[in-house]
Protein backbone atom coordinates (compact mmCIF):
# COMPACT_ATOMS: atom_id res chain seq x y z
CA MET A 1 0.00 0.00 0.00
CA SER A 2 1.22 3.51 -0.79
CA ASP A 3 0.44 6.70 1.07
CA ALA A 4 -0.55 9.97 -0.51
CA SER A 5 3.02 10.77 -1.44
CA GLY A 6 3.53 7.45 -3.19
CA ALA A 7 5.71 6.04 -0.39
CA HIS A 8 5.47 2.30 0.04
CA SER A 9 4.51 1.14 3.50
CA SER A 10 3.52 -2.55 3.20
CA PRO A 11 5.79 -5.30 4.53
CA VAL A 12 8.46 -6.92 2.39
CA PRO A 13 6.99 -9.85 0.43
CA THR A 14 8.26 -13.27 1.52
CA SER A 15 7.30 -15.18 -1.64
CA PRO A 16 9.84 -17.05 -3.84
CA ALA A 17 12.34 -15.16 -5.96
CA ALA A 18 10.98 -13.71 -9.21
CA ILE A 19 14.46 -12.44 -10.18
CA GLU A 20 17.54 -14.41 -9.25
CA CYS A 21 21.23 -13.80 -10.00
CA ARG A 22 24.05 -16.12 -9.03
CA GLY A 23 27.64 -15.09 -9.64
CA LEU A 24 26.44 -12.88 -12.48
CA THR A 25 29.34 -11.19 -14.24
CA LYS A 26 29.71 -9.06 -17.35
CA ASN A 27 33.33 -8.03 -17.70
CA TYR A 28 34.03 -5.29 -20.23
CA GLY A 29 37.65 -5.05 -19.09
CA GLU A 30 39.56 -2.40 -17.14
CA GLY A 31 37.21 -2.74 -14.19
CA HIS A 32 34.03 -1.91 -16.14
CA GLY A 33 30.93 -4.08 -15.99
CA LEU A 34 29.18 -6.12 -13.30
CA PHE A 35 30.95 -8.65 -11.12
CA ASP A 36 29.88 -11.71 -9.07
CA LEU A 37 26.37 -10.47 -8.38
CA ASP A 38 24.23 -12.59 -6.07
CA LEU A 39 20.74 -11.14 -5.79
CA GLU A 40 17.15 -12.25 -5.21
CA VAL A 41 14.06 -10.12 -5.76
CA ARG A 42 10.90 -11.71 -4.41
CA ALA A 43 7.54 -11.90 -6.17
CA GLY A 44 5.57 -8.75 -5.42
CA GLU A 45 8.63 -6.90 -4.17
CA ILE A 46 9.78 -3.42 -5.21
CA PHE A 47 13.58 -3.43 -5.33
CA GLY A 48 15.71 -0.37 -6.02
CA PHE A 49 19.19 -0.74 -7.50
CA ILE A 50 21.12 2.35 -6.43
CA GLY A 51 24.42 3.76 -7.59
CA PRO A 52 26.12 6.53 -9.55
CA ASN A 53 26.36 6.58 -13.32
CA GLY A 54 28.63 3.82 -14.58
CA ALA A 55 28.14 1.69 -11.45
CA GLY A 56 26.65 -1.27 -13.34
CA LYS A 57 22.91 -0.67 -13.00
CA THR A 58 22.10 -0.64 -16.72
CA THR A 59 24.39 -3.63 -17.29
CA LEU A 60 22.30 -5.67 -14.85
CA ILE A 61 19.07 -4.64 -16.52
CA ARG A 62 20.37 -5.49 -19.99
CA LEU A 63 21.53 -8.88 -18.72
CA LEU A 64 18.10 -9.59 -17.23
CA MET A 65 16.45 -8.67 -20.54
CA GLY A 66 18.83 -10.92 -22.52
CA LEU A 67 20.13 -7.96 -24.51
CA ILE A 68 23.74 -8.84 -23.62
CA ARG A 69 25.30 -12.13 -22.59
CA PRO A 70 27.05 -12.63 -19.26
CA THR A 71 30.73 -13.44 -19.05
CA SER A 72 29.85 -15.94 -16.34
CA GLY A 73 27.13 -16.73 -13.83
CA VAL A 74 23.40 -17.04 -14.32
CA ALA A 75 20.33 -14.81 -14.16
CA ARG A 76 16.73 -15.98 -14.06
CA VAL A 77 13.41 -14.14 -14.33
CA LEU A 78 10.34 -16.12 -13.22
CA GLY A 79 12.54 -19.21 -13.27
CA LEU A 80 13.50 -18.66 -16.91
CA ASP A 81 17.14 -18.42 -17.92
CA CYS A 82 17.88 -14.91 -19.19
CA ARG A 83 20.45 -16.20 -21.66
CA ARG A 84 18.37 -19.03 -23.11
CA ASP A 85 14.74 -17.95 -22.64
CA GLY A 86 14.88 -14.26 -23.56
CA LEU A 87 11.83 -14.30 -25.83
CA GLU A 88 9.61 -15.96 -23.24
CA ILE A 89 10.84 -13.59 -20.54
CA LYS A 90 9.92 -10.57 -22.67
CA ARG A 91 6.32 -11.81 -22.80
CA HIS A 92 6.05 -11.42 -19.04
CA VAL A 93 8.11 -8.27 -18.51
CA GLY A 94 7.40 -4.57 -18.83
CA TYR A 95 10.73 -2.98 -19.74
CA LEU A 96 11.80 0.65 -19.75
CA PRO A 97 15.26 1.09 -21.28
CA GLY A 98 17.66 3.79 -20.22
CA GLU A 99 17.76 5.15 -23.78
CA LEU A 100 14.45 5.31 -25.59
CA PRO A 101 14.24 4.52 -29.31
CA GLN A 102 13.25 7.14 -31.87
CA TYR A 103 9.95 7.08 -33.78
CA PRO A 104 10.14 9.83 -36.44
CA GLY A 105 7.03 11.20 -38.08
CA VAL A 106 4.39 9.53 -35.88
CA ARG A 107 2.32 10.60 -32.91
CA ALA A 108 2.77 9.26 -29.40
CA GLY A 109 -0.56 7.44 -29.56
CA HIS A 110 0.48 5.70 -32.78
CA VAL A 111 3.72 4.53 -31.16
CA LEU A 112 1.80 2.96 -28.29
CA THR A 113 -0.81 1.41 -30.60
CA PHE A 114 1.97 -0.08 -32.70
CA LEU A 115 3.77 -1.51 -29.67
CA ALA A 116 0.50 -2.83 -28.23
CA GLY A 117 -0.21 -4.56 -31.55
CA LEU A 118 3.19 -6.24 -31.50
CA ARG A 119 2.60 -7.47 -27.96
CA GLY A 120 -1.07 -8.36 -28.37
CA GLY A 121 -3.82 -8.49 -25.78
CA VAL A 122 -3.54 -4.85 -24.67
CA ASP A 123 -6.78 -3.00 -23.92
CA PRO A 124 -6.76 0.41 -25.71
CA GLU A 125 -8.60 1.87 -22.75
CA ARG A 126 -5.70 0.85 -20.52
CA ILE A 127 -3.36 2.92 -22.72
CA ARG A 128 -5.65 5.95 -22.54
CA ALA A 129 -6.01 5.62 -18.76
CA LEU A 130 -2.25 5.40 -18.21
CA ALA A 131 -1.65 8.35 -20.52
CA GLY A 132 -4.15 10.39 -18.54
CA ARG A 133 -2.58 9.53 -15.22
CA LEU A 134 0.90 10.45 -16.50
CA GLN A 135 -0.34 13.61 -18.27
CA LEU A 136 0.80 12.37 -21.68
CA GLU A 137 -0.77 13.96 -24.79
CA LEU A 138 -1.23 11.06 -27.21
CA GLY A 139 -1.92 13.37 -30.17
CA ARG A 140 1.51 15.02 -30.17
CA LYS A 141 4.28 13.89 -32.48
CA TYR A 142 6.76 11.72 -30.65
CA ALA A 143 9.77 13.50 -32.14
CA ASP A 144 8.51 16.82 -30.76
CA LEU A 145 8.15 15.57 -27.20
CA SER A 146 10.51 16.62 -24.44
CA HIS A 147 12.63 13.95 -22.79
CA GLY A 148 10.20 13.79 -19.89
CA ASN A 149 7.22 13.23 -22.19
CA LYS A 150 9.09 10.57 -24.16
CA GLN A 151 9.76 8.95 -20.80
CA LYS A 152 6.01 8.87 -20.22
CA VAL A 153 5.55 7.00 -23.51
CA GLY A 154 8.13 4.49 -22.33
CA LEU A 155 6.35 4.08 -19.00
CA VAL A 156 2.94 3.57 -20.63
CA GLN A 157 4.32 0.80 -22.86
CA ALA A 158 5.98 -0.82 -19.82
CA PHE A 159 2.79 -0.85 -17.73
CA MET A 160 0.12 -1.26 -20.41
CA HIS A 161 -0.05 -5.08 -20.45
CA GLU A 162 -0.01 -5.43 -16.64
CA PRO A 163 3.14 -7.56 -16.69
CA ASP A 164 4.28 -10.01 -14.03
CA VAL A 165 7.65 -8.24 -13.78
CA LEU A 166 8.62 -4.61 -14.35
CA ILE A 167 12.28 -3.81 -15.09
CA LEU A 168 12.77 -0.06 -15.27
CA ASP A 169 16.01 1.84 -15.92
CA GLU A 170 15.96 5.30 -14.26
CA PRO A 171 12.16 5.53 -14.64
CA THR A 172 11.64 8.98 -13.08
CA LEU A 173 14.34 10.74 -15.10
CA GLY A 174 12.87 13.91 -16.60
CA LEU A 175 9.48 13.62 -14.87
CA ASP A 176 8.08 16.52 -12.89
CA PRO A 177 7.24 15.91 -9.20
CA LEU A 178 3.50 15.36 -9.73
CA VAL A 179 4.10 12.77 -12.44
CA GLN A 180 6.78 11.12 -10.28
CA ARG A 181 4.18 10.75 -7.55
CA GLU A 182 1.75 9.13 -9.99
CA PHE A 183 4.49 6.82 -11.22
CA TRP A 184 5.07 5.56 -7.68
CA ARG A 185 1.34 4.98 -7.30
CA LEU A 186 1.45 2.79 -10.42
CA VAL A 187 4.40 0.90 -8.98
CA GLY A 188 2.54 0.34 -5.70
CA GLU A 189 -0.53 -0.90 -7.57
CA ALA A 190 1.58 -3.32 -9.60
CA SER A 191 3.18 -4.69 -6.44
CA ALA A 192 -0.21 -5.02 -4.75
CA ARG A 193 -1.45 -7.30 -7.56
CA GLY A 194 1.67 -9.45 -7.19
CA ALA A 195 3.97 -8.00 -9.84
CA THR A 196 7.69 -7.71 -9.13
CA VAL A 197 9.43 -4.39 -9.75
CA LEU A 198 13.17 -3.87 -10.18
CA LEU A 199 14.23 -0.32 -10.93
CA SER A 200 17.52 1.53 -11.09
CA SER A 201 18.03 5.03 -9.80
CA HIS A 202 20.63 7.44 -8.48
CA VAL A 203 17.98 9.35 -6.47
CA LEU A 204 18.22 7.87 -3.00
CA ALA A 205 15.30 9.73 -1.44
CA GLU A 206 12.68 8.40 -3.85
CA VAL A 207 13.95 4.84 -3.56
CA GLU A 208 13.94 5.12 0.23
CA ALA A 209 10.28 6.18 0.08
CA GLY A 210 9.09 3.77 -2.61
CA CYS A 211 10.93 0.46 -2.34
CA HIS A 212 10.68 -2.53 -0.03
CA ARG A 213 14.40 -3.20 -0.33
CA MET A 214 17.37 -1.70 -2.14
CA GLY A 215 20.91 -2.52 -3.14
CA LEU A 216 23.92 -0.24 -3.34
CA VAL A 217 26.22 -0.86 -6.31
CA ARG A 218 29.59 0.70 -6.95
CA ALA A 219 32.12 -0.04 -9.71
CA GLY A 220 30.17 -3.13 -10.72
CA HIS A 221 30.01 -4.65 -7.23
CA LEU A 222 26.97 -4.94 -4.99
CA ILE A 223 28.16 -3.41 -1.74
CA ARG A 224 25.07 -3.92 0.39
CA ALA A 225 21.44 -4.98 -0.03
CA GLY A 226 18.48 -5.01 2.33
CA SER A 227 15.59 -3.04 3.74
CA LEU A 228 16.09 0.49 5.02
CA ASN A 229 16.51 -0.72 8.59
CA GLU A 230 18.87 -3.50 7.54
CA LEU A 231 21.03 -1.07 5.60
CA ARG A 232 21.26 1.18 8.61
CA ASP A 233 22.33 -1.86 10.68
CA VAL A 234 22.52 -0.34 14.12
CA ARG A 235 21.06 3.13 14.13
CA SER A 236 23.59 5.92 13.64
CA HIS A 237 23.13 9.42 15.02
CA ARG A 238 24.93 12.70 14.50
CA LEU A 239 25.39 14.54 17.78
CA GLN A 240 26.26 18.15 18.57
CA VAL A 241 27.00 18.79 22.23
CA VAL A 242 27.87 21.89 24.26
CA LEU A 243 29.56 21.27 27.63
CA ARG A 244 30.13 23.55 30.60
CA GLU A 245 33.74 22.36 30.86
CA PRO A 246 36.19 21.55 28.03
CA ILE A 247 37.01 17.93 27.26
CA ASP A 248 40.08 16.26 25.78
CA PRO A 249 39.35 14.26 22.58
CA VAL A 250 41.48 11.45 24.02
CA ASP A 251 38.80 10.93 26.69
CA LEU A 252 36.28 10.06 23.95
CA ALA A 253 38.46 8.09 21.56
CA THR A 254 37.59 4.68 23.03
CA VAL A 255 33.79 5.13 23.02
CA PRO A 256 32.28 2.18 21.06
CA GLY A 257 30.82 3.14 17.68
CA LEU A 258 32.20 6.68 17.72
CA SER A 259 33.43 8.29 14.47
CA ASP A 260 33.90 11.71 12.86
CA LEU A 261 34.84 13.20 16.22
CA ALA A 262 35.53 16.95 16.33
CA VAL A 263 36.23 18.71 19.65
CA ASP A 264 36.65 22.46 20.06
CA GLY A 265 36.94 23.24 23.74
CA THR A 266 33.46 22.77 25.13
CA ARG A 267 31.89 21.86 21.78
CA VAL A 268 31.74 18.25 20.59
CA GLU A 269 30.48 16.90 17.26
CA CYS A 270 30.50 13.20 16.39
CA THR A 271 28.64 10.28 14.88
CA ILE A 272 27.66 7.41 17.16
CA ARG A 273 26.60 4.00 15.89
CA GLY A 274 24.67 1.98 18.43
CA PRO A 275 23.84 2.96 22.03
CA VAL A 276 24.48 6.57 23.02
CA SER A 277 24.85 5.87 26.73
CA PRO A 278 28.62 5.09 26.67
CA LEU A 279 29.23 8.52 25.13
CA LEU A 280 26.95 10.27 27.62
CA ASP A 281 28.82 8.59 30.49
CA ARG A 282 31.94 10.47 29.34
CA LEU A 283 30.16 13.78 28.74
CA VAL A 284 27.92 14.12 31.79
CA PRO A 285 30.81 14.78 34.25
CA ARG A 286 31.60 17.91 32.16
CA SER A 287 27.97 19.10 32.56
CA VAL A 288 26.02 18.92 29.30
CA VAL A 289 24.51 22.34 28.48
CA GLU A 290 23.03 21.49 25.06
CA LEU A 291 22.63 18.27 23.12
CA ASP A 292 21.23 17.91 19.61
CA SER A 293 20.85 14.48 17.99
CA ARG A 294 19.49 13.35 14.63
CA GLU A 295 19.44 9.98 12.89
CA LEU A 296 21.50 9.73 9.72
CA SER A 297 19.49 9.62 6.50
CA LEU A 298 19.77 6.76 4.02
CA GLU A 299 21.75 9.05 1.73
CA GLU A 300 24.31 9.71 4.45
CA VAL A 301 24.55 5.98 5.20
CA PHE A 302 25.20 5.21 1.53
CA LEU A 303 27.73 8.00 1.17
CA ARG A 304 29.62 6.55 4.12
CA GLU A 305 29.60 3.17 2.42
CA PHE A 306 31.15 4.78 -0.67
CA GLU A 307 33.82 6.43 1.48
CA ARG A 308 34.72 3.14 3.17
CA THR A 309 34.77 1.05 -0.03
CA PRO A 310 37.95 1.31 -2.17
């Protein structure tokens, strides 16, 4: 279920894997590609694949769609081998590529009618309803559309046949905030009827709000994967403290879970991972005048992962 903002709030599905990767590798050489990926995305789950440009997100999606062949390892969608059963997989998948094809001289509605005819079994009313929800003008020429409006055409064709799996490469790129919100509603509806959604993004905030689980990828390697709480492990907080008496940084250096310590006389700033009480035990004898604490955001957690990973 999604709230008014499109944020996903239902529990993580526990059904069998709809997408499965084991040792999946695509090596382009010189450290480029995707390496030794082990990943499961459950049926009905919304999974966000997060990382900067060039991290390997699109490579994974192209491997799942059978558009490129792996160097080693295996990938399956709905139990079908992505290398051997690509045609059958495409019958069950709604796919949004990172780079949309060009359709010169035709209107957006014609593009969607043509694609629906190739796929078969698509209700024309479904196309019109999706276009309305995404604020897409079907009568405009495709070549004249902005990138954001071309993205809407791509999203309509991905959702129009109510697929069992949605694989979407940077789906919100170029969309305005209201259309982004409607997109996440569509994703939530697809998940609610049992469809599996895997999407790539570099926008951490929207994935945090909209996905059951997410994975962080860097330089072709999956660094971490899990729910928001799992990725945070033990909760981390950023503290700013004002004391009545100055303190020596050495007195705080052995506090468990402490990092990013900065001491300026009576002012202390630090990050604490886990219980705060061991830190307070060191500070209270100096008389705490002010204390401000906030939990680190998902973006800050991921950025710290990037900093720690070579």
